[in-house]
Structure formats: C-alpha cells, structure tokens
Amino acid sequence: VLLVRPTGEGQFTTVNEHGGGLAWFGDYLY
C-alpha cells in the first residue's frame, strides 16, 4: 500500500521519507 499525504481537497502526494521505523497503536500507524 502506498503512503500518501493529503495536500488539499481531493489531492494527495507521496511521503518522501526513509520510512525507517513503524509503531502501531489502535488505528494509528506511526
């Protein structure tokens, strides 16, 4: 699944980071 960042109504772009770590709590993925 591709991570995206909303930039406006009906608009999004990619998340240009290293993605070096994850932590999952409830419905949220850090």
PDB file of all heavy atoms in Angstrom:
ATOM      1  N   VAL A   1       0.864  -1.180   0.000  1.00  0.00           N
ATOM      2  CA  VAL A   1       0.000   0.000   0.000  1.00  0.00           C
ATOM      3  C   VAL A   1       0.902   1.232   0.000  1.00  0.00           C
ATOM      4  O   VAL A   1       1.877   1.297   0.761  1.00  0.00           O
ATOM      5  CB  VAL A   1      -0.907   0.001   1.251  1.00  0.00           C
ATOM      6  CG1 VAL A   1      -1.770   1.250   1.290  1.00  0.00           C
ATOM      7  CG2 VAL A   1      -1.769  -1.262   1.281  1.00  0.00           C
ATOM      8  N   LEU A   2       0.602   2.218  -0.826  1.00  0.00           N
ATOM      9  CA  LEU A   2       1.439   3.410  -0.899  1.00  0.00           C
ATOM     10  C   LEU A   2       1.003   4.423   0.158  1.00  0.00           C
ATOM     11  O   LEU A   2      -0.191   4.716   0.308  1.00  0.00           O
ATOM     12  CB  LEU A   2       1.345   4.047  -2.289  1.00  0.00           C
ATOM     13  CG  LEU A   2       2.398   5.128  -2.582  1.00  0.00           C
ATOM     14  CD1 LEU A   2       3.791   4.514  -2.697  1.00  0.00           C
ATOM     15  CD2 LEU A   2       2.042   5.896  -3.857  1.00  0.00           C
ATOM     16  N   LEU A   3       1.962   4.972   0.898  1.00  0.00           N
ATOM     17  CA  LEU A   3       1.671   6.035   1.847  1.00  0.00           C
ATOM     18  C   LEU A   3       1.541   7.363   1.098  1.00  0.00           C
ATOM     19  O   LEU A   3       2.337   7.657   0.198  1.00  0.00           O
ATOM     20  CB  LEU A   3       2.781   6.159   2.889  1.00  0.00           C
ATOM     21  CG  LEU A   3       3.038   4.945   3.783  1.00  0.00           C
ATOM     22  CD1 LEU A   3       4.040   5.302   4.879  1.00  0.00           C
ATOM     23  CD2 LEU A   3       1.751   4.415   4.405  1.00  0.00           C
ATOM     24  N   VAL A   4       0.529   8.149   1.475  1.00  0.00           N
ATOM     25  CA  VAL A   4       0.313   9.441   0.826  1.00  0.00           C
ATOM     26  C   VAL A   4       0.011  10.509   1.875  1.00  0.00           C
ATOM     27  O   VAL A   4      -0.387  10.202   2.999  1.00  0.00           O
ATOM     28  CB  VAL A   4      -0.835   9.404  -0.207  1.00  0.00           C
ATOM     29  CG1 VAL A   4      -0.508   8.432  -1.334  1.00  0.00           C
ATOM     30  CG2 VAL A   4      -2.160   9.047   0.457  1.00  0.00           C
ATOM     31  N   ARG A   5       0.173  11.748   1.479  1.00  0.00           N
ATOM     32  CA  ARG A   5      -0.112  12.902   2.341  1.00  0.00           C
ATOM     33  C   ARG A   5      -1.115  13.807   1.634  1.00  0.00           C
ATOM     34  O   ARG A   5      -0.835  14.331   0.554  1.00  0.00           O
ATOM     35  CB  ARG A   5       1.178  13.670   2.635  1.00  0.00           C
ATOM     36  CG  ARG A   5       0.982  14.939   3.451  1.00  0.00           C
ATOM     37  CD  ARG A   5       2.324  15.591   3.755  1.00  0.00           C
ATOM     38  NE  ARG A   5       3.068  15.930   2.550  1.00  0.00           N
ATOM     39  CZ  ARG A   5       2.913  17.047   1.838  1.00  0.00           C
ATOM     40  NH1 ARG A   5       1.985  17.944   2.196  1.00  0.00           N
ATOM     41  NH2 ARG A   5       3.668  17.283   0.769  1.00  0.00           N
ATOM     42  N   PRO A   6      -2.322  13.988   2.216  1.00  0.00           N
ATOM     43  CA  PRO A   6      -3.291  14.911   1.611  1.00  0.00           C
ATOM     44  C   PRO A   6      -2.734  16.330   1.545  1.00  0.00           C
ATOM     45  O   PRO A   6      -2.106  16.811   2.503  1.00  0.00           O
ATOM     46  CB  PRO A   6      -4.488  14.837   2.569  1.00  0.00           C
ATOM     47  CG  PRO A   6      -4.343  13.520   3.279  1.00  0.00           C
ATOM     48  CD  PRO A   6      -2.859  13.314   3.414  1.00  0.00           C
ATOM     49  N   THR A   7      -2.942  16.998   0.417  1.00  0.00           N
ATOM     50  CA  THR A   7      -2.433  18.365   0.235  1.00  0.00           C
ATOM     51  C   THR A   7      -3.548  19.370  -0.009  1.00  0.00           C
ATOM     52  O   THR A   7      -3.292  20.578  -0.083  1.00  0.00           O
ATOM     53  CB  THR A   7      -1.456  18.419  -0.954  1.00  0.00           C
ATOM     54  OG1 THR A   7      -2.121  17.945  -2.135  1.00  0.00           O
ATOM     55  CG2 THR A   7      -0.231  17.564  -0.687  1.00  0.00           C
ATOM     56  N   GLY A   8      -4.779  18.918  -0.135  1.00  0.00           N
ATOM     57  CA  GLY A   8      -5.922  19.772  -0.391  1.00  0.00           C
ATOM     58  C   GLY A   8      -7.126  18.900  -0.658  1.00  0.00           C
ATOM     59  O   GLY A   8      -7.041  17.660  -0.608  1.00  0.00           O
ATOM     60  N   GLU A   9      -8.246  19.518  -0.968  1.00  0.00           N
ATOM     61  CA  GLU A   9      -9.472  18.745  -1.204  1.00  0.00           C
ATOM     62  C   GLU A   9      -9.292  17.845  -2.431  1.00  0.00           C
ATOM     63  O   GLU A   9      -9.079  18.322  -3.543  1.00  0.00           O
ATOM     64  CB  GLU A   9     -10.653  19.670  -1.398  1.00  0.00           C
ATOM     65  CG  GLU A   9     -11.966  18.920  -1.531  1.00  0.00           C
ATOM     66  CD  GLU A   9     -13.171  19.845  -1.659  1.00  0.00           C
ATOM     67  OE1 GLU A   9     -12.959  21.084  -1.671  1.00  0.00           O
ATOM     68  OE2 GLU A   9     -14.295  19.338  -1.756  1.00  0.00           O
ATOM     69  N   GLY A  10      -9.360  16.519  -2.192  1.00  0.00           N
ATOM     70  CA  GLY A  10      -9.231  15.574  -3.287  1.00  0.00           C
ATOM     71  C   GLY A  10      -7.832  15.468  -3.848  1.00  0.00           C
ATOM     72  O   GLY A  10      -7.650  14.902  -4.934  1.00  0.00           O
ATOM     73  N   GLN A  11      -6.840  15.967  -3.127  1.00  0.00           N
ATOM     74  CA  GLN A  11      -5.469  15.955  -3.619  1.00  0.00           C
ATOM     75  C   GLN A  11      -4.544  15.294  -2.597  1.00  0.00           C
ATOM     76  O   GLN A  11      -4.712  15.458  -1.389  1.00  0.00           O
ATOM     77  CB  GLN A  11      -4.977  17.381  -3.883  1.00  0.00           C
ATOM     78  CG  GLN A  11      -5.782  18.146  -4.916  1.00  0.00           C
ATOM     79  CD  GLN A  11      -5.556  17.642  -6.328  1.00  0.00           C
ATOM     80  OE1 GLN A  11      -4.610  16.905  -6.594  1.00  0.00           O
ATOM     81  NE2 GLN A  11      -6.428  18.039  -7.249  1.00  0.00           N
ATOM     82  N   PHE A  12      -3.567  14.552  -3.104  1.00  0.00           N
ATOM     83  CA  PHE A  12      -2.553  13.966  -2.221  1.00  0.00           C
ATOM     84  C   PHE A  12      -1.264  13.761  -3.004  1.00  0.00           C
ATOM     85  O   PHE A  12      -1.258  13.771  -4.236  1.00  0.00           O
ATOM     86  CB  PHE A  12      -3.031  12.640  -1.604  1.00  0.00           C
ATOM     87  CG  PHE A  12      -3.442  11.583  -2.600  1.00  0.00           C
ATOM     88  CD1 PHE A  12      -2.485  10.812  -3.265  1.00  0.00           C
ATOM     89  CD2 PHE A  12      -4.787  11.335  -2.864  1.00  0.00           C
ATOM     90  CE1 PHE A  12      -2.854   9.831  -4.175  1.00  0.00           C
ATOM     91  CE2 PHE A  12      -5.165  10.351  -3.774  1.00  0.00           C
ATOM     92  CZ  PHE A  12      -4.206   9.595  -4.426  1.00  0.00           C
ATOM     93  N   THR A  13      -0.185  13.570  -2.266  1.00  0.00           N
ATOM     94  CA  THR A  13       1.107  13.308  -2.879  1.00  0.00           C
ATOM     95  C   THR A  13       1.824  12.233  -2.074  1.00  0.00           C
ATOM     96  O   THR A  13       1.299  11.738  -1.075  1.00  0.00           O
ATOM     97  CB  THR A  13       1.952  14.600  -2.944  1.00  0.00           C
ATOM     98  OG1 THR A  13       3.128  14.354  -3.715  1.00  0.00           O
ATOM     99  CG2 THR A  13       2.353  15.067  -1.547  1.00  0.00           C
ATOM    100  N   THR A  14       3.017  11.863  -2.501  1.00  0.00           N
ATOM    101  CA  THR A  14       3.768  10.814  -1.814  1.00  0.00           C
ATOM    102  C   THR A  14       4.393  11.336  -0.527  1.00  0.00           C
ATOM    103  O   THR A  14       4.481  12.542  -0.293  1.00  0.00           O
ATOM    104  CB  THR A  14       4.879  10.260  -2.724  1.00  0.00           C
ATOM    105  OG1 THR A  14       5.675  11.348  -3.206  1.00  0.00           O
ATOM    106  CG2 THR A  14       4.288   9.495  -3.891  1.00  0.00           C
ATOM    107  N   VAL A  15       4.854  10.413   0.322  1.00  0.00           N
ATOM    108  CA  VAL A  15       5.530  10.748   1.576  1.00  0.00           C
ATOM    109  C   VAL A  15       7.006  10.421   1.366  1.00  0.00           C
ATOM    110  O   VAL A  15       7.434   9.277   1.500  1.00  0.00           O
ATOM    111  CB  VAL A  15       4.948   9.951   2.754  1.00  0.00           C
ATOM    112  CG1 VAL A  15       5.691  10.262   4.041  1.00  0.00           C
ATOM    113  CG2 VAL A  15       3.456  10.261   2.907  1.00  0.00           C
ATOM    114  N   ASN A  16       7.775  11.430   1.033  1.00  0.00           N
ATOM    115  CA  ASN A  16       9.160  11.209   0.619  1.00  0.00           C
ATOM    116  C   ASN A  16      10.095  11.192   1.824  1.00  0.00           C
ATOM    117  O   ASN A  16      10.841  12.139   2.087  1.00  0.00           O
ATOM    118  CB  ASN A  16       9.579  12.272  -0.389  1.00  0.00           C
ATOM    119  CG  ASN A  16       8.731  12.230  -1.651  1.00  0.00           C
ATOM    120  OD1 ASN A  16       8.248  11.174  -2.035  1.00  0.00           O
ATOM    121  ND2 ASN A  16       8.532  13.363  -2.266  1.00  0.00           N
ATOM    122  N   GLU A  17      10.038  10.092   2.551  1.00  0.00           N
ATOM    123  CA  GLU A  17      10.856   9.890   3.745  1.00  0.00           C
ATOM    124  C   GLU A  17      11.548   8.533   3.646  1.00  0.00           C
ATOM    125  O   GLU A  17      11.264   7.730   2.752  1.00  0.00           O
ATOM    126  CB  GLU A  17       9.991   9.949   5.006  1.00  0.00           C
ATOM    127  CG  GLU A  17       9.406  11.323   5.292  1.00  0.00           C
ATOM    128  CD  GLU A  17      10.448  12.357   5.650  1.00  0.00           C
ATOM    129  OE1 GLU A  17      11.548  11.967   6.089  1.00  0.00           O
ATOM    130  OE2 GLU A  17      10.159  13.567   5.497  1.00  0.00           O
ATOM    131  N   HIS A  18      12.416   8.257   4.605  1.00  0.00           N
ATOM    132  CA  HIS A  18      13.150   6.996   4.625  1.00  0.00           C
ATOM    133  C   HIS A  18      12.299   5.841   5.133  1.00  0.00           C
ATOM    134  O   HIS A  18      12.555   4.682   4.801  1.00  0.00           O
ATOM    135  CB  HIS A  18      14.403   7.143   5.499  1.00  0.00           C
ATOM    136  CG  HIS A  18      15.322   5.970   5.441  1.00  0.00           C
ATOM    137  ND1 HIS A  18      16.027   5.624   4.306  1.00  0.00           N
ATOM    138  CD2 HIS A  18      15.644   5.042   6.381  1.00  0.00           C
ATOM    139  CE1 HIS A  18      16.751   4.545   4.540  1.00  0.00           C
ATOM    140  NE2 HIS A  18      16.544   4.166   5.785  1.00  0.00           N
ATOM    141  N   GLY A  19      11.288   6.152   5.936  1.00  0.00           N
ATOM    142  CA  GLY A  19      10.424   5.091   6.462  1.00  0.00           C
ATOM    143  C   GLY A  19      11.164   4.137   7.372  1.00  0.00           C
ATOM    144  O   GLY A  19      10.883   2.934   7.378  1.00  0.00           O
ATOM    145  N   GLY A  20      12.099   4.652   8.171  1.00  0.00           N
ATOM    146  CA  GLY A  20      12.994   3.787   8.939  1.00  0.00           C
ATOM    147  C   GLY A  20      12.375   3.037  10.089  1.00  0.00           C
ATOM    148  O   GLY A  20      13.002   2.123  10.622  1.00  0.00           O
ATOM    149  N   GLY A  21      11.158   3.403  10.524  1.00  0.00           N
ATOM    150  CA  GLY A  21      10.573   2.699  11.658  1.00  0.00           C
ATOM    151  C   GLY A  21       9.076   2.884  11.721  1.00  0.00           C
ATOM    152  O   GLY A  21       8.541   3.909  11.274  1.00  0.00           O
ATOM    153  N   LEU A  22       8.383   1.870  12.284  1.00  0.00           N
ATOM    154  CA  LEU A  22       6.930   1.882  12.436  1.00  0.00           C
ATOM    155  C   LEU A  22       6.552   1.494  13.854  1.00  0.00           C
ATOM    156  O   LEU A  22       7.263   0.734  14.514  1.00  0.00           O
ATOM    157  CB  LEU A  22       6.274   0.890  11.468  1.00  0.00           C
ATOM    158  CG  LEU A  22       6.480   1.066   9.968  1.00  0.00           C
ATOM    159  CD1 LEU A  22       5.819  -0.093   9.226  1.00  0.00           C
ATOM    160  CD2 LEU A  22       5.911   2.403   9.485  1.00  0.00           C
ATOM    161  N   ALA A  23       5.392   1.998  14.307  1.00  0.00           N
ATOM    162  CA  ALA A  23       4.797   1.565  15.573  1.00  0.00           C
ATOM    163  C   ALA A  23       3.279   1.679  15.428  1.00  0.00           C
ATOM    164  O   ALA A  23       2.766   2.733  15.042  1.00  0.00           O
ATOM    165  CB  ALA A  23       5.288   2.410  16.738  1.00  0.00           C
ATOM    166  N   TRP A  24       2.553   0.607  15.754  1.00  0.00           N
ATOM    167  CA  TRP A  24       1.113   0.530  15.523  1.00  0.00           C
ATOM    168  C   TRP A  24       0.390   0.550  16.856  1.00  0.00           C
ATOM    169  O   TRP A  24       0.579  -0.319  17.705  1.00  0.00           O
ATOM    170  CB  TRP A  24       0.831  -0.754  14.743  1.00  0.00           C
ATOM    171  CG  TRP A  24      -0.601  -1.071  14.466  1.00  0.00           C
ATOM    172  CD1 TRP A  24      -1.711  -0.341  14.733  1.00  0.00           C
ATOM    173  CD2 TRP A  24      -1.070  -2.265  13.821  1.00  0.00           C
ATOM    174  NE1 TRP A  24      -2.838  -0.990  14.309  1.00  0.00           N
ATOM    175  CE2 TRP A  24      -2.474  -2.167  13.739  1.00  0.00           C
ATOM    176  CE3 TRP A  24      -0.433  -3.400  13.312  1.00  0.00           C
ATOM    177  CZ2 TRP A  24      -3.257  -3.187  13.178  1.00  0.00           C
ATOM    178  CZ3 TRP A  24      -1.200  -4.406  12.758  1.00  0.00           C
ATOM    179  CH2 TRP A  24      -2.596  -4.300  12.686  1.00  0.00           C
ATOM    180  N   PHE A  25      -0.463   1.586  17.037  1.00  0.00           N
ATOM    181  CA  PHE A  25      -1.294   1.712  18.232  1.00  0.00           C
ATOM    182  C   PHE A  25      -2.735   1.985  17.802  1.00  0.00           C
ATOM    183  O   PHE A  25      -3.005   2.988  17.135  1.00  0.00           O
ATOM    184  CB  PHE A  25      -0.819   2.857  19.131  1.00  0.00           C
ATOM    185  CG  PHE A  25       0.436   2.552  19.899  1.00  0.00           C
ATOM    186  CD1 PHE A  25       1.677   2.852  19.364  1.00  0.00           C
ATOM    187  CD2 PHE A  25       0.377   1.974  21.153  1.00  0.00           C
ATOM    188  CE1 PHE A  25       2.843   2.587  20.073  1.00  0.00           C
ATOM    189  CE2 PHE A  25       1.530   1.698  21.867  1.00  0.00           C
ATOM    190  CZ  PHE A  25       2.771   1.996  21.330  1.00  0.00           C
ATOM    191  N   GLY A  26      -3.666   1.104  18.179  1.00  0.00           N
ATOM    192  CA  GLY A  26      -5.061   1.300  17.804  1.00  0.00           C
ATOM    193  C   GLY A  26      -5.208   1.346  16.299  1.00  0.00           C
ATOM    194  O   GLY A  26      -4.778   0.435  15.588  1.00  0.00           O
ATOM    195  N   ASP A  27      -5.816   2.418  15.794  1.00  0.00           N
ATOM    196  CA  ASP A  27      -5.977   2.585  14.345  1.00  0.00           C
ATOM    197  C   ASP A  27      -4.858   3.412  13.731  1.00  0.00           C
ATOM    198  O   ASP A  27      -4.885   3.702  12.537  1.00  0.00           O
ATOM    199  CB  ASP A  27      -7.322   3.263  14.040  1.00  0.00           C
ATOM    200  CG  ASP A  27      -8.504   2.383  14.400  1.00  0.00           C
ATOM    201  OD1 ASP A  27      -8.474   1.190  14.058  1.00  0.00           O
ATOM    202  OD2 ASP A  27      -9.446   2.895  15.033  1.00  0.00           O
ATOM    203  N   TYR A  28      -3.883   3.810  14.546  1.00  0.00           N
ATOM    204  CA  TYR A  28      -2.833   4.698  14.052  1.00  0.00           C
ATOM    205  C   TYR A  28      -1.507   3.972  13.831  1.00  0.00           C
ATOM    206  O   TYR A  28      -1.052   3.201  14.679  1.00  0.00           O
ATOM    207  CB  TYR A  28      -2.608   5.853  15.025  1.00  0.00           C
ATOM    208  CG  TYR A  28      -3.790   6.776  15.136  1.00  0.00           C
ATOM    209  CD1 TYR A  28      -4.272   7.164  16.374  1.00  0.00           C
ATOM    210  CD2 TYR A  28      -4.437   7.266  14.000  1.00  0.00           C
ATOM    211  CE1 TYR A  28      -5.363   8.020  16.488  1.00  0.00           C
ATOM    212  CE2 TYR A  28      -5.523   8.110  14.095  1.00  0.00           C
ATOM    213  CZ  TYR A  28      -5.986   8.486  15.339  1.00  0.00           C
ATOM    214  OH  TYR A  28      -7.070   9.336  15.439  1.00  0.00           O
ATOM    215  N   LEU A  29      -0.916   4.264  12.686  1.00  0.00           N
ATOM    216  CA  LEU A  29       0.407   3.762  12.353  1.00  0.00           C
ATOM    217  C   LEU A  29       1.370   4.937  12.404  1.00  0.00           C
ATOM    218  O   LEU A  29       1.243   5.892  11.627  1.00  0.00           O
ATOM    219  CB  LEU A  29       0.407   3.136  10.957  1.00  0.00           C
ATOM    220  CG  LEU A  29       1.752   2.584  10.466  1.00  0.00           C
ATOM    221  CD1 LEU A  29       2.196   1.416  11.335  1.00  0.00           C
ATOM    222  CD2 LEU A  29       1.662   2.166   9.004  1.00  0.00           C
ATOM    223  N   TYR A  30       2.328   4.880  13.336  1.00  0.00           N
ATOM    224  CA  TYR A  30       3.347   5.909  13.453  1.00  0.00           C
ATOM    225  C   TYR A  30       4.556   5.529  12.590  1.00  0.00           C
ATOM    226  O   TYR A  30       4.963   4.370  12.571  1.00  0.00           O
ATOM    227  CB  TYR A  30       3.799   6.058  14.907  1.00  0.00           C
ATOM    228  CG  TYR A  30       2.756   6.650  15.823  1.00  0.00           C
ATOM    229  CD1 TYR A  30       1.729   5.861  16.344  1.00  0.00           C
ATOM    230  CD2 TYR A  30       2.789   7.995  16.160  1.00  0.00           C
ATOM    231  CE1 TYR A  30       0.764   6.406  17.186  1.00  0.00           C
ATOM    232  CE2 TYR A  30       1.828   8.549  17.002  1.00  0.00           C
ATOM    233  CZ  TYR A  30       0.818   7.744  17.513  1.00  0.00           C
ATOM    234  OH  TYR A  30      -0.132   8.291  18.345  1.00  0.00           O
TER     235      TYR A  30
END
